[in-house]
C-alpha cells in the first residue's frame, strides 16, 4: 500500500524535485559500494549505443546503473540475488529501450518483446524475471508472482531515481547522496520529457495518453 501511494504521487513529486533538485543526506555516512560499471550491463547496453545516440545514451546508462545500485542494496539480504544478478542487469538495460528502438511512448511491451527476441540461453525462471521487471517496473500496486521481492525492489529503485531520491522506499538519504555523487543525473529527466515531442511532435495529448499505458494497476 505504501508503494502504491508513492507511485500515485510520483508525478507531483517529480515536478517539485525538478524545480528544487533537492539532494539530501551525507555521502560520507553511506554504506553502499557504488557499482559504476558491470560486464553484463556494458555488454548489452552498448549494443544500442548508436540507436540511442548522445546525449541520451550516457543519460540512460546513468539511470540503469542508479536503479541497479538501489535495487541490489535493497536486496542485500536476499541470498539468490547474485545468482540472478545478470538477469536483473539485462532487464534494466531493456526496461526503457523501446523509447529509442521502436520510438514508442507506451514502451514496456515492445521493450519486453525485444528482450525476449534478443536474449537467449535463459532458464524459464530467468526469462520470467526479465519480463516481469521490464513489464511491471511502473506497477502501482504490489507485484505478486515469482521472485516478487526482486521485481518489487526494481520498482522501488526505478521510482527512487525517477523522483531524484525523494521517494526511496528504504534506501537511505546518505546512500542516495553518495550514489548521485558517483553517478550524477546528467539529464535523464530532460531526455524523458523530450521523448513525447520527439516521437509525437505537437500531439502532446496523444503522447501523454500513450505514456500512461506503461502504468499497470
Protein backbone atom coordinates (compact mmCIF):
# COMPACT_ATOMS: atom_id res chain seq x y z
CA UNK A 1 0.00 0.00 0.00
CA UNK A 2 2.85 2.39 0.81
CA UNK A 3 4.42 1.76 -2.59
CA UNK A 4 1.08 2.26 -4.31
CA UNK A 5 0.63 5.65 -2.64
CA UNK A 6 4.19 6.59 -3.51
CA UNK A 7 3.64 5.66 -7.15
CA UNK A 8 0.44 7.68 -7.39
CA UNK A 9 2.22 10.75 -6.03
CA UNK A 10 5.34 10.32 -8.18
CA UNK A 11 4.36 12.80 -10.87
CA UNK A 12 3.74 15.58 -8.34
CA UNK A 13 6.98 14.77 -6.56
CA UNK A 14 8.88 14.86 -9.84
CA UNK A 15 7.57 18.32 -10.63
CA UNK A 16 8.68 19.61 -7.25
CA UNK A 17 12.03 17.87 -7.48
CA UNK A 18 12.62 19.15 -10.99
CA UNK A 19 12.35 22.68 -9.71
CA UNK A 20 14.13 22.29 -6.39
CA UNK A 21 16.59 19.49 -7.27
CA UNK A 22 16.74 18.67 -3.58
CA UNK A 23 19.67 16.49 -2.59
CA UNK A 24 19.60 15.22 0.96
CA UNK A 25 21.87 13.05 3.01
CA UNK A 26 25.56 12.85 3.78
CA UNK A 27 27.56 10.76 1.33
CA UNK A 28 30.32 10.29 3.90
CA UNK A 29 27.89 8.32 6.08
CA UNK A 30 26.76 6.00 3.29
CA UNK A 31 27.29 2.24 3.50
CA UNK A 32 26.75 1.48 -0.18
CA UNK A 33 29.56 0.44 -2.51
CA UNK A 34 28.51 2.04 -5.78
CA UNK A 35 28.76 -0.05 -8.94
CA UNK A 36 29.73 2.22 -11.82
CA UNK A 37 30.46 -0.48 -14.39
CA UNK A 38 29.43 -4.10 -14.81
CA UNK A 39 30.21 -6.53 -17.61
CA UNK A 40 26.64 -7.68 -18.30
CA UNK A 41 25.23 -4.16 -18.38
CA UNK A 42 28.01 -2.89 -20.63
CA UNK A 43 27.71 -5.85 -22.99
CA UNK A 44 24.00 -5.41 -23.64
CA UNK A 45 23.70 -1.65 -23.36
CA UNK A 46 26.48 -0.84 -25.80
CA UNK A 47 24.68 -2.85 -28.49
CA UNK A 48 22.19 0.03 -28.60
CA UNK A 49 24.57 2.97 -28.26
CA UNK A 50 24.17 4.09 -31.87
CA UNK A 51 20.39 3.64 -31.79
CA UNK A 52 20.01 5.67 -28.61
CA UNK A 53 22.60 8.28 -29.58
CA UNK A 54 24.11 11.02 -27.47
CA UNK A 55 23.43 12.62 -25.07
CA UNK A 56 20.64 10.14 -24.36
CA UNK A 57 22.94 7.12 -24.19
CA UNK A 58 25.03 8.36 -21.25
CA UNK A 59 21.92 9.67 -19.53
CA UNK A 60 20.15 6.31 -19.87
CA UNK A 61 23.31 4.45 -18.84
CA UNK A 62 23.40 6.50 -15.64
CA UNK A 63 19.75 5.71 -14.97
CA UNK A 64 20.34 1.99 -15.46
CA UNK A 65 23.26 1.97 -13.03
CA UNK A 66 21.49 4.05 -10.41
CA UNK A 67 18.47 1.73 -10.48
CA UNK A 68 20.76 -1.31 -10.36
CA UNK A 69 22.62 0.02 -7.32
CA UNK A 70 19.45 0.87 -5.42
CA UNK A 71 17.78 -2.45 -6.23
CA UNK A 72 20.82 -4.53 -5.25
CA UNK A 73 21.17 -2.60 -1.99
CA UNK A 74 17.51 -3.17 -1.15
CA UNK A 75 18.06 -6.86 -1.88
CA UNK A 76 21.33 -7.24 0.01
CA UNK A 77 19.79 -9.81 2.37
CA UNK A 78 18.41 -11.93 -0.48
CA UNK A 79 20.70 -14.97 -0.97
CA UNK A 80 19.55 -15.54 -4.56
CA UNK A 81 20.41 -12.12 -5.92
CA UNK A 82 23.94 -12.96 -7.04
CA UNK A 83 22.60 -15.97 -8.92
CA UNK A 84 20.06 -13.79 -10.72
CA UNK A 85 22.07 -10.57 -10.92
CA UNK A 86 22.89 -10.89 -14.62
CA UNK A 87 19.20 -11.30 -15.39
CA UNK A 88 18.41 -8.19 -13.36
CA UNK A 89 21.07 -6.23 -15.24
CA UNK A 90 19.82 -7.38 -18.64
CA UNK A 91 16.26 -6.47 -17.70
CA UNK A 92 17.36 -2.98 -16.67
CA UNK A 93 19.16 -2.46 -19.98
CA UNK A 94 15.96 -3.27 -21.84
CA UNK A 95 13.39 -1.76 -19.46
CA UNK A 96 13.02 1.58 -21.33
CA UNK A 97 14.79 0.67 -24.57
CA UNK A 98 11.80 0.92 -26.94
CA UNK A 99 11.73 4.67 -26.35
CA UNK A 100 14.54 4.62 -28.92
CA UNK A 101 14.49 1.29 -30.76
CA UNK A 102 10.87 1.47 -31.92
CA UNK A 103 10.19 5.04 -30.74
CA UNK A 104 7.15 4.06 -28.71
CA UNK A 105 5.92 6.01 -25.70
CA UNK A 106 3.97 3.01 -24.44
CA UNK A 107 7.29 1.24 -24.31
CA UNK A 108 7.18 -1.60 -21.80
CA UNK A 109 5.58 -4.21 -24.11
CA UNK A 110 7.85 -3.53 -27.11
CA UNK A 111 10.86 -3.34 -24.76
CA UNK A 112 9.97 -6.77 -23.40
CA UNK A 113 9.39 -8.12 -26.91
CA UNK A 114 12.85 -7.00 -27.99
CA UNK A 115 14.45 -8.52 -24.88
CA UNK A 116 12.75 -11.88 -25.46
CA UNK A 117 13.80 -11.89 -29.10
CA UNK A 118 17.37 -10.86 -28.37
CA UNK A 119 18.43 -12.56 -25.14
CA UNK A 120 18.94 -16.30 -25.50
CA UNK A 121 20.04 -19.17 -23.29
CA UNK A 122 17.94 -18.25 -20.28
CA UNK A 123 16.12 -20.63 -17.97
CA UNK A 124 12.37 -20.24 -17.66
CA UNK A 125 12.86 -18.55 -14.30
CA UNK A 126 15.35 -16.07 -15.74
CA UNK A 127 13.11 -15.31 -18.69
CA UNK A 128 10.10 -14.75 -16.43
CA UNK A 129 12.08 -12.47 -14.11
CA UNK A 130 13.42 -10.43 -17.01
CA UNK A 131 9.93 -9.97 -18.46
CA UNK A 132 8.34 -9.13 -15.12
CA UNK A 133 10.94 -6.46 -14.39
CA UNK A 134 10.50 -4.87 -17.82
CA UNK A 135 6.72 -5.07 -17.97
CA UNK A 136 5.92 -4.10 -14.40
CA UNK A 137 8.63 -1.65 -13.32
CA UNK A 138 5.92 1.03 -13.15
CA UNK A 139 3.34 -1.17 -11.41
CA UNK A 140 1.22 0.80 -8.96
CA UNK A 141 0.08 -1.97 -6.62
CA UNK A 142 2.43 -4.61 -5.18
CA UNK A 143 3.71 -7.19 -7.64
CA UNK A 144 2.68 -10.73 -6.79
CA UNK A 145 4.43 -13.56 -8.56
CA UNK A 146 7.69 -15.46 -8.81
CA UNK A 147 10.65 -13.53 -7.37
CA UNK A 148 8.28 -10.79 -6.22
CA UNK A 149 10.89 -9.38 -3.85
CA UNK A 150 13.30 -8.78 -6.73
CA UNK A 151 10.68 -7.25 -9.02
CA UNK A 152 9.42 -5.06 -6.17
CA UNK A 153 12.94 -3.86 -5.40
CA UNK A 154 13.39 -2.80 -9.02
CA UNK A 155 10.04 -1.00 -8.95
CA UNK A 156 11.13 0.88 -5.83
CA UNK A 157 14.58 1.60 -7.27
CA UNK A 158 13.20 2.99 -10.53
CA UNK A 159 10.81 5.20 -8.57
CA UNK A 160 13.64 6.44 -6.37
CA UNK A 161 15.66 7.51 -9.38
CA UNK A 162 12.60 8.97 -11.11
CA UNK A 163 11.90 11.19 -8.10
CA UNK A 164 15.53 12.27 -7.61
CA UNK A 165 15.65 10.21 -4.42
CA UNK A 166 12.73 11.87 -2.71
CA UNK A 167 10.79 8.58 -2.66
CA UNK A 168 13.37 6.00 -1.64
CA UNK A 169 11.40 3.06 -0.14
CA UNK A 170 14.01 2.22 2.49
CA UNK A 171 17.10 3.34 0.59
CA UNK A 172 18.78 5.86 2.88
CA UNK A 173 19.28 9.51 2.02
CA UNK A 174 23.00 9.11 2.75
CA UNK A 175 23.27 6.30 0.23
CA UNK A 176 21.29 8.35 -2.28
CA UNK A 177 23.69 11.25 -1.82
CA UNK A 178 26.68 9.01 -2.47
CA UNK A 179 25.02 7.37 -5.46
CA UNK A 180 24.21 10.72 -7.06
CA UNK A 181 27.72 11.94 -6.36
CA UNK A 182 29.27 8.94 -8.14
CA UNK A 183 26.66 8.53 -10.87
CA UNK A 184 25.18 12.01 -11.31
CA UNK A 185 21.97 12.59 -13.21
CA UNK A 186 23.29 14.40 -16.29
CA UNK A 187 19.88 14.99 -17.80
CA UNK A 188 17.91 11.74 -17.89
CA UNK A 189 14.73 13.53 -16.86
CA UNK A 190 15.25 16.03 -19.65
CA UNK A 191 15.54 13.10 -22.05
CA UNK A 192 12.27 11.64 -20.75
CA UNK A 193 10.48 14.98 -21.07
CA UNK A 194 11.68 15.39 -24.65
CA UNK A 195 10.66 11.93 -25.88
CA UNK A 196 7.00 12.94 -26.25
CA UNK A 197 7.62 15.82 -28.69
CA UNK A 198 10.44 13.86 -30.34
CA UNK A 199 8.06 10.98 -31.11
CA UNK A 200 4.65 12.65 -31.34
CA UNK A 201 5.55 16.22 -32.25
CA UNK A 202 2.86 18.65 -31.19
CA UNK A 203 0.34 15.89 -30.50
CA UNK A 204 1.09 16.11 -26.79
CA UNK A 205 -2.26 14.71 -25.62
CA UNK A 206 -1.77 11.53 -27.64
CA UNK A 207 1.77 11.29 -26.30
CA UNK A 208 0.67 11.61 -22.70
CA UNK A 209 -2.06 9.03 -23.24
CA UNK A 210 0.46 6.58 -24.64
CA UNK A 211 2.84 7.15 -21.74
CA UNK A 212 0.05 6.37 -19.28
CA UNK A 213 -0.16 2.84 -20.71
CA UNK A 214 3.12 1.91 -19.03
CA UNK A 215 1.45 2.00 -15.61
CA UNK A 216 -0.15 -1.27 -14.54
CA UNK A 217 -2.53 -1.32 -11.62
